[in-house]
Amino acid sequence: MSAAKVAILMRTKDRPVFLRRALRSVAAQTFEDWTLAIINDGDRAPVEDAAAETLNDPQRQRLKIVEPVKPLARDGLLQVGLADTESQFVVALDDDDTWEPRFLQDTVAFLDDPDNAAFGGVVAGSRLVFERFAGGALREMRQVDISGWRRDLRLWQMMERNLYPIHAFLYRREIGERIGGYRDLDVLGDWDFNFRFLLEADLGAIDPVLANYHQRSEADAGAAQNTDLQAHRGQQEVLLAEWGGKSEQLRLILEAAASTALLGEELAELEQLIIPPSRLARRLAFLRRSRRRPDEAQERATARSLNASLREDIKAGVLGTGYRANLRAAFDDLTHQAHSLREQMAPVHRLARKFFRLAGKG
C-alpha cells in the first residue's frame, strides 16, 4: 500500500450493516488522499462484499484488509493497522461510527496550516447519535451535541475523563508512534492513548460538528451492542490505578482532577434540570439575556500554558506550579458553573415569588 496523507484505521467484526454505513462515510469524504486499513477480526467475505458495494474502483485501490495473526483486544487491533500503514496523519474510525463529508478536509487543513505546527493533533466537534437496530436496519432516534470541551483541551481534563470520541481525532503519526501507539486493551484504550498523547503534545480544535458517535439502546443485542458500561468503569479504575502508581505526586494530581470532575458533572446535571423552567420563566417575563462570547484564542493559549506546566510537574514527579495552576483553573471553572446556575435560576425565583404573592392574595 503506497503512502498517503492520511491513514484511516477501521476495526470490524461481523457487522456488515454497520460497516457499509461507515464505508459510505469514508467514500463521501471531500478529501481523497487517504488509505484505509480495515482490521478484520471476523469473517472476510462480508468485509469484501461491503467494500465492493460502497467504494468505487480508485477507492478500493487504497483499501487493505488486515487480519491479525493472533487474538487481540480491541485496541490491539488498531496497533496492527497503525503498524501496517504509512502516512503523515492517522485517524481511527470504528465500523459503527461516521463522519460528515468535510471531516478529513477540515482536520487535515488545520494540521497543514503553518500557524498550527505546534499542535500534535486536532479534534473536530462531535455529536452523539442515539439509534435502534432492528430487522437488519438502523433507525436514528435523536442527536445530542457533545462538543462542549472543544475550546479548552486541557491535560487536566483528560486526566478526569476521556474528552472526545476516537474518530473525532486526527493526529501526526510521528507523535503516535513516539508514545508507543495503541495498547492491547478491551475498553478505554482511546482514553489511555489520548492521555499519553497529551503528555507529549497539545491538541487543536475546530468548531464544526463533523464526527458522529453512534450509540444503540441497551435493548439491542449481539453485534449491535455498544461496549458494556460496567466494563468501562472497571477499566477506568484500572487505568487510574496504573497511572497513579507511577508516583505519589501523580496519584494526588489524578485524585484532585477526579474530584473537580465529579463536582463539575453534578453542576452540569443541575443545569440540565434548570434549563427548561429557566427558559419558560424568561419567556413569561419577557426577559432576554445576552451572553458574552468567550475569547477562543485566549482560552486555547491558556490551555496550552496550563498543559505545559502540568507536563513539567508530572515528568519531574512534583506537585509544583503546574499542579497549583491547574487546580486553581479547575476551581475557577467550578465557580463559573455555579455563577451560571445562579443566573439561570434568577428568573425562576422571580416568577415563583410573583406566583406565591398572587396565590396569597387569593
Protein backbone atom coordinates (compact mmCIF):
# COMPACT_ATOMS: atom_id res chain seq x y z
CA MET A 1 0.00 0.00 0.00
CA SER A 2 1.53 3.30 -1.06
CA ALA A 3 1.90 6.10 1.45
CA ALA A 4 -0.97 8.57 1.66
CA LYS A 5 -1.55 11.79 3.55
CA VAL A 6 -3.98 10.11 5.97
CA ALA A 7 -4.25 6.53 7.18
CA ILE A 8 -7.74 5.54 8.36
CA LEU A 9 -7.77 2.62 10.79
CA MET A 10 -11.10 0.76 10.95
CA ARG A 11 -11.63 -2.29 13.16
CA THR A 12 -14.59 -4.55 12.44
CA LYS A 13 -16.04 -7.92 13.38
CA ASP A 14 -19.08 -9.44 11.70
CA ARG A 15 -21.19 -6.25 11.49
CA PRO A 16 -21.79 -5.77 7.75
CA VAL A 17 -24.72 -3.32 8.15
CA PHE A 18 -22.64 -1.01 10.33
CA LEU A 19 -19.54 -1.49 8.19
CA ARG A 20 -21.32 -0.47 4.99
CA ARG A 21 -22.53 2.74 6.64
CA ALA A 22 -19.02 3.56 7.90
CA LEU A 23 -17.52 2.87 4.47
CA ARG A 24 -20.10 5.13 2.81
CA SER A 25 -18.95 7.81 5.22
CA VAL A 26 -15.35 7.33 4.09
CA ALA A 27 -16.31 7.23 0.41
CA ALA A 28 -18.14 10.56 0.77
CA GLN A 29 -15.10 12.45 2.06
CA THR A 30 -14.22 15.55 0.04
CA PHE A 31 -10.53 14.93 0.86
CA GLU A 32 -9.31 11.93 -1.12
CA ASP A 33 -5.63 11.42 -0.26
CA TRP A 34 -6.28 8.61 2.22
CA THR A 35 -5.56 4.95 2.65
CA LEU A 36 -7.93 2.68 4.56
CA ALA A 37 -6.83 -0.29 6.66
CA ILE A 38 -9.74 -2.45 7.77
CA ILE A 39 -8.53 -4.60 10.64
CA ASN A 40 -10.88 -7.56 10.37
CA ASP A 41 -11.43 -9.76 13.41
CA GLY A 42 -14.20 -11.83 11.83
CA ASP A 43 -15.23 -13.39 8.52
CA ARG A 44 -13.53 -11.86 5.48
CA ALA A 45 -16.25 -12.32 2.85
CA PRO A 46 -18.72 -9.78 4.37
CA VAL A 47 -15.95 -7.19 4.54
CA GLU A 48 -15.07 -7.67 0.88
CA ASP A 49 -18.74 -7.51 -0.09
CA ALA A 50 -19.27 -4.30 1.90
CA ALA A 51 -16.24 -2.67 0.26
CA ALA A 52 -17.43 -3.69 -3.21
CA GLU A 53 -20.86 -2.16 -2.54
CA THR A 54 -19.69 1.16 -1.10
CA LEU A 55 -16.29 2.08 -2.55
CA ASN A 56 -15.53 2.93 -6.17
CA ASP A 57 -12.60 1.41 -8.06
CA PRO A 58 -9.98 4.06 -7.17
CA GLN A 59 -11.06 3.95 -3.52
CA ARG A 60 -10.78 0.16 -3.39
CA GLN A 61 -7.21 0.55 -4.64
CA ARG A 62 -6.49 2.44 -1.41
CA LEU A 63 -8.04 -0.27 0.77
CA LYS A 64 -6.22 -3.02 2.61
CA ILE A 65 -7.92 -5.69 4.69
CA VAL A 66 -5.63 -6.68 7.55
CA GLU A 67 -6.21 -9.84 9.56
CA PRO A 68 -4.37 -10.26 12.89
CA VAL A 69 -2.18 -13.32 13.19
CA LYS A 70 -3.14 -13.79 16.87
CA PRO A 71 -6.12 -12.91 19.09
CA LEU A 72 -6.03 -9.28 20.21
CA ALA A 73 -8.13 -6.91 22.28
CA ARG A 74 -9.96 -4.06 20.52
CA ASP A 75 -7.13 -1.53 20.75
CA GLY A 76 -4.51 -4.09 19.85
CA LEU A 77 -6.32 -4.26 16.50
CA LEU A 78 -5.69 -0.54 16.00
CA GLN A 79 -2.00 -1.06 16.65
CA VAL A 80 -1.92 -3.69 13.89
CA GLY A 81 -3.40 -1.16 11.50
CA LEU A 82 -1.00 1.57 12.61
CA ALA A 83 1.99 -0.70 12.02
CA ASP A 84 0.67 -1.80 8.62
CA THR A 85 0.24 1.69 7.13
CA GLU A 86 2.37 4.66 6.16
CA SER A 87 1.08 8.22 6.28
CA GLN A 88 1.66 11.67 7.69
CA PHE A 89 -1.59 11.71 9.67
CA VAL A 90 -3.65 8.96 11.31
CA VAL A 91 -7.26 8.64 12.44
CA ALA A 92 -9.33 5.70 13.70
CA LEU A 93 -12.95 5.19 12.63
CA ASP A 94 -14.88 2.29 14.15
CA ASP A 95 -17.24 0.34 11.94
CA ASP A 96 -20.33 1.70 13.74
CA ASP A 97 -19.44 5.42 13.59
CA THR A 98 -19.48 8.00 10.79
CA TRP A 99 -18.08 11.33 9.61
CA GLU A 100 -19.54 14.30 7.85
CA PRO A 101 -18.09 14.69 4.32
CA ARG A 102 -15.68 17.51 5.28
CA PHE A 103 -14.12 15.78 8.30
CA LEU A 104 -10.81 14.87 6.67
CA GLN A 105 -10.62 18.04 4.59
CA ASP A 106 -11.05 20.38 7.58
CA THR A 107 -8.86 18.47 10.05
CA VAL A 108 -6.02 18.00 7.54
CA ALA A 109 -6.20 21.68 6.61
CA PHE A 110 -5.82 22.60 10.29
CA LEU A 111 -2.67 20.50 10.79
CA ASP A 112 -1.23 21.61 7.44
CA ASP A 113 -1.52 25.27 8.45
CA PRO A 114 1.99 26.51 9.47
CA ASP A 115 0.37 28.51 12.27
CA ASN A 116 -0.72 25.20 13.83
CA ALA A 117 2.63 23.41 13.60
CA ALA A 118 2.88 23.21 17.41
CA PHE A 119 -0.25 21.06 17.65
CA GLY A 120 0.21 17.29 17.61
CA GLY A 121 -3.37 16.67 16.53
CA VAL A 122 -6.77 18.25 16.07
CA VAL A 123 -10.22 17.36 17.35
CA ALA A 124 -13.44 18.15 15.50
CA GLY A 125 -16.84 18.82 17.02
CA SER A 126 -18.90 15.69 17.72
CA ARG A 127 -22.49 14.65 18.20
CA LEU A 128 -23.98 11.65 19.94
CA VAL A 129 -26.49 9.84 17.72
CA PHE A 130 -28.93 7.55 19.51
CA GLU A 131 -30.30 4.79 17.29
CA ARG A 132 -32.02 1.42 17.22
CA PHE A 133 -31.03 -1.66 15.25
CA ALA A 134 -33.97 -3.87 14.38
CA GLY A 135 -34.83 -6.12 11.47
CA GLY A 136 -31.39 -5.63 10.00
CA ALA A 137 -31.90 -1.86 9.69
CA LEU A 138 -30.72 1.17 11.65
CA ARG A 139 -33.14 3.86 12.76
CA GLU A 140 -32.00 7.16 14.23
CA MET A 141 -33.80 8.34 17.39
CA ARG A 142 -32.19 11.67 18.35
CA GLN A 143 -28.93 13.65 18.37
CA VAL A 144 -27.01 15.49 21.09
CA ASP A 145 -24.02 17.80 20.61
CA ILE A 146 -21.13 16.59 22.82
CA SER A 147 -18.56 19.22 21.88
CA GLY A 148 -18.61 21.47 24.93
CA TRP A 149 -14.90 20.81 25.59
CA ARG A 150 -13.61 21.79 22.17
CA ARG A 151 -12.35 25.28 23.02
CA ASP A 152 -10.32 24.12 26.01
CA LEU A 153 -8.46 20.81 25.56
CA ARG A 154 -6.51 20.51 28.79
CA LEU A 155 -4.37 17.69 30.10
CA TRP A 156 -6.05 18.15 33.48
CA GLN A 157 -9.44 17.49 31.91
CA MET A 158 -8.14 14.41 30.09
CA MET A 159 -6.98 13.04 33.45
CA GLU A 160 -10.58 13.37 34.66
CA ARG A 161 -12.22 11.55 31.74
CA ASN A 162 -11.91 10.88 28.01
CA LEU A 163 -12.91 14.11 26.30
CA TYR A 164 -13.88 13.08 22.77
CA PRO A 165 -14.69 10.02 20.63
CA ILE A 166 -11.75 8.35 18.95
CA HIS A 167 -12.86 9.14 15.39
CA ALA A 168 -13.04 12.90 16.06
CA PHE A 169 -9.22 12.99 16.48
CA LEU A 170 -6.71 13.28 13.60
CA TYR A 171 -3.07 13.21 14.73
CA ARG A 172 0.50 13.35 13.48
CA ARG A 173 1.84 9.80 13.08
CA GLU A 174 5.28 10.66 14.46
CA ILE A 175 3.79 11.51 17.86
CA GLY A 176 1.50 8.49 17.93
CA GLU A 177 4.48 6.24 17.27
CA ARG A 178 6.65 8.11 19.78
CA ILE A 179 4.25 7.33 22.63
CA GLY A 180 4.14 3.66 21.67
CA GLY A 181 0.87 3.60 19.73
CA TYR A 182 -2.19 1.74 20.99
CA ARG A 183 -2.01 -0.72 23.85
CA ASP A 184 -3.85 -4.05 23.74
CA LEU A 185 -6.89 -3.06 25.85
CA ASP A 186 -10.51 -4.19 25.50
CA VAL A 187 -12.07 -0.86 26.53
CA LEU A 188 -10.93 2.73 27.11
CA GLY A 189 -7.82 2.22 25.03
CA ASP A 190 -8.68 5.51 23.33
CA TRP A 191 -8.63 7.29 26.71
CA ASP A 192 -5.26 5.71 27.53
CA PHE A 193 -3.91 6.74 24.12
CA ASN A 194 -5.30 10.28 24.36
CA PHE A 195 -3.86 10.79 27.85
CA ARG A 196 -0.40 9.63 26.77
CA PHE A 197 -0.68 11.80 23.65
CA LEU A 198 -1.47 14.94 25.65
CA LEU A 199 1.57 14.24 27.81
CA GLU A 200 3.59 14.84 24.64
CA ALA A 201 1.74 17.47 22.60
CA ASP A 202 -1.15 19.91 22.62
CA LEU A 203 -4.28 19.48 20.55
CA GLY A 204 -6.08 21.97 18.36
CA ALA A 205 -9.82 22.07 17.85
CA ILE A 206 -12.21 23.03 15.08
CA ASP A 207 -15.78 24.05 15.70
CA PRO A 208 -17.85 22.29 13.03
CA VAL A 209 -19.58 19.10 14.20
CA LEU A 210 -18.02 16.59 11.83
CA ALA A 211 -17.90 13.31 13.80
CA ASN A 212 -20.97 11.20 14.61
CA TYR A 213 -20.70 8.90 17.62
CA HIS A 214 -23.46 6.29 17.27
CA GLN A 215 -24.95 4.50 20.27
CA ARG A 216 -27.66 1.88 20.39
CA SER A 217 -30.26 1.16 23.01
CA GLU A 218 -29.47 -1.30 25.78
CA ALA A 219 -32.23 -3.43 24.25
CA ASP A 220 -30.15 -4.01 21.12
CA ALA A 221 -28.34 -7.32 21.40
CA GLY A 222 -25.48 -9.20 19.84
CA ALA A 223 -23.13 -7.39 17.49
CA ALA A 224 -25.29 -4.25 17.68
CA GLN A 225 -24.42 -3.65 21.31
CA ASN A 226 -22.10 -0.85 22.41
CA THR A 227 -19.30 -1.57 24.85
CA ASP A 228 -20.60 -2.60 28.26
CA LEU A 229 -20.60 0.42 30.60
CA GLN A 230 -19.67 -1.75 33.56
CA ALA A 231 -16.54 -2.83 31.68
CA HIS A 232 -15.77 0.86 31.07
CA ARG A 233 -15.98 1.65 34.78
CA GLY A 234 -13.78 -1.31 35.70
CA GLN A 235 -11.13 -0.39 33.12
CA GLN A 236 -11.24 3.25 34.22
CA GLU A 237 -10.32 2.21 37.75
CA VAL A 238 -7.51 0.03 36.40
CA LEU A 239 -6.06 2.84 34.28
CA LEU A 240 -6.23 5.40 37.07
CA ALA A 241 -4.52 2.99 39.45
CA GLU A 242 -1.84 2.27 36.85
CA TRP A 243 -1.18 5.92 36.04
CA GLY A 244 -1.23 6.92 39.70
CA GLY A 245 1.06 4.05 40.66
CA LYS A 246 3.94 5.74 38.84
CA SER A 247 4.37 8.27 41.65
CA GLU A 248 2.64 9.56 44.76
CA GLN A 249 2.53 13.01 43.19
CA LEU A 250 0.75 11.80 40.05
CA ARG A 251 -1.75 9.89 42.19
CA LEU A 252 -2.59 13.10 44.07
CA ILE A 253 -2.95 15.01 40.79
CA LEU A 254 -5.32 12.33 39.47
CA GLU A 255 -7.37 12.39 42.67
CA ALA A 256 -7.69 16.17 42.51
CA ALA A 257 -8.69 16.04 38.83
CA ALA A 258 -11.27 13.33 39.57
CA SER A 259 -12.75 15.36 42.45
CA THR A 260 -13.16 18.50 40.38
CA ALA A 261 -14.62 16.42 37.53
CA LEU A 262 -17.24 14.92 39.86
CA LEU A 263 -18.28 18.36 41.08
CA GLY A 264 -18.43 19.66 37.53
CA GLU A 265 -20.65 16.74 36.44
CA GLU A 266 -23.03 17.33 39.34
CA LEU A 267 -23.30 21.02 38.46
CA ALA A 268 -23.89 20.11 34.81
CA GLU A 269 -26.72 17.76 35.83
CA LEU A 270 -28.29 20.53 37.90
CA GLU A 271 -28.03 22.87 34.93
CA GLN A 272 -29.94 20.42 32.74
CA LEU A 273 -32.73 20.37 35.32
CA ILE A 274 -32.81 24.16 35.50
CA ILE A 275 -32.71 24.99 31.78
CA PRO A 276 -36.37 24.16 30.90
CA PRO A 277 -38.01 26.16 33.75
CA SER A 278 -35.49 28.95 33.25
CA ARG A 279 -36.39 29.28 29.55
CA LEU A 280 -40.08 29.23 30.40
CA ALA A 281 -39.66 31.89 33.07
CA ARG A 282 -37.73 34.14 30.70
CA ARG A 283 -40.43 33.87 28.06
CA LEU A 284 -43.21 34.57 30.53
CA ALA A 285 -41.34 37.52 31.99
CA PHE A 286 -40.36 38.80 28.50
CA LEU A 287 -36.75 38.74 29.56
CA ARG A 288 -33.76 38.44 27.28
CA ARG A 289 -30.18 37.95 28.31
CA SER A 290 -27.18 38.31 26.00
CA ARG A 291 -24.21 36.06 26.59
CA ARG A 292 -20.72 37.37 26.04
CA ARG A 293 -18.84 35.05 23.71
CA PRO A 294 -15.55 33.81 25.17
CA ASP A 295 -12.26 34.76 23.58
CA GLU A 296 -11.43 31.42 21.97
CA ALA A 297 -7.83 32.33 21.10
CA GLN A 298 -7.18 33.36 24.69
CA GLU A 299 -8.80 30.20 26.07
CA ARG A 300 -6.66 27.98 23.85
CA ALA A 301 -3.49 29.89 24.74
CA THR A 302 -4.34 29.46 28.41
CA ALA A 303 -4.92 25.74 27.92
CA ARG A 304 -1.52 25.32 26.25
CA SER A 305 0.19 27.16 29.09
CA LEU A 306 -1.58 25.02 31.71
CA ASN A 307 -0.70 21.84 29.80
CA ALA A 308 2.97 22.76 29.56
CA SER A 309 3.29 23.49 33.28
CA LEU A 310 1.44 20.31 34.28
CA ARG A 311 3.61 18.16 31.97
CA GLU A 312 6.70 19.52 33.71
CA ASP A 313 5.29 18.58 37.11
CA ILE A 314 4.30 15.07 36.01
CA LYS A 315 7.64 14.34 34.36
CA ALA A 316 9.56 15.75 37.34
CA GLY A 317 7.34 13.90 39.83
CA VAL A 318 6.50 17.01 41.88
CA LEU A 319 3.43 18.94 42.97
CA GLY A 320 4.72 22.25 41.66
CA THR A 321 3.43 25.36 39.96
CA GLY A 322 1.75 23.35 37.18
CA TYR A 323 -0.35 21.38 39.65
CA ARG A 324 -1.33 24.51 41.56
CA ALA A 325 -2.16 26.46 38.39
CA ASN A 326 -4.34 23.66 37.00
CA LEU A 327 -6.10 23.11 40.32
CA ARG A 328 -6.82 26.83 40.55
CA ALA A 329 -8.14 26.85 36.97
CA ALA A 330 -10.37 23.84 37.72
CA PHE A 331 -11.92 25.57 40.71
CA ASP A 332 -12.34 28.74 38.67
CA ASP A 333 -14.31 26.63 36.19
CA LEU A 334 -16.50 25.30 39.02
CA THR A 335 -17.08 28.82 40.32
CA HIS A 336 -18.13 29.93 36.83
CA GLN A 337 -20.54 26.97 36.58
CA ALA A 338 -22.07 27.84 39.94
CA HIS A 339 -22.44 31.50 38.95
CA SER A 340 -24.11 30.45 35.69
CA LEU A 341 -26.58 28.32 37.65
CA ARG A 342 -27.46 31.26 39.88
CA GLU A 343 -28.05 33.44 36.79
CA GLN A 344 -30.32 30.82 35.23
CA MET A 345 -32.26 30.36 38.46
CA ALA A 346 -32.86 34.10 38.95
CA PRO A 347 -35.88 34.39 36.59
CA VAL A 348 -37.36 31.19 38.05
CA HIS A 349 -37.10 32.69 41.54
CA ARG A 350 -38.67 35.96 40.41
CA LEU A 351 -41.55 34.18 38.72
CA ALA A 352 -42.08 31.92 41.74
CA ARG A 353 -42.23 34.91 44.10
CA LYS A 354 -44.85 36.60 41.89
CA PHE A 355 -46.89 33.41 41.77
CA PHE A 356 -46.89 32.94 45.53
CA ARG A 357 -47.77 36.60 46.11
CA LEU A 358 -50.75 36.22 43.79
CA ALA A 359 -51.74 32.95 45.42
CA GLY A 360 -51.55 34.59 48.85
CA LYS A 361 -53.91 37.39 47.77
CA GLY A 362 -56.40 34.84 46.59
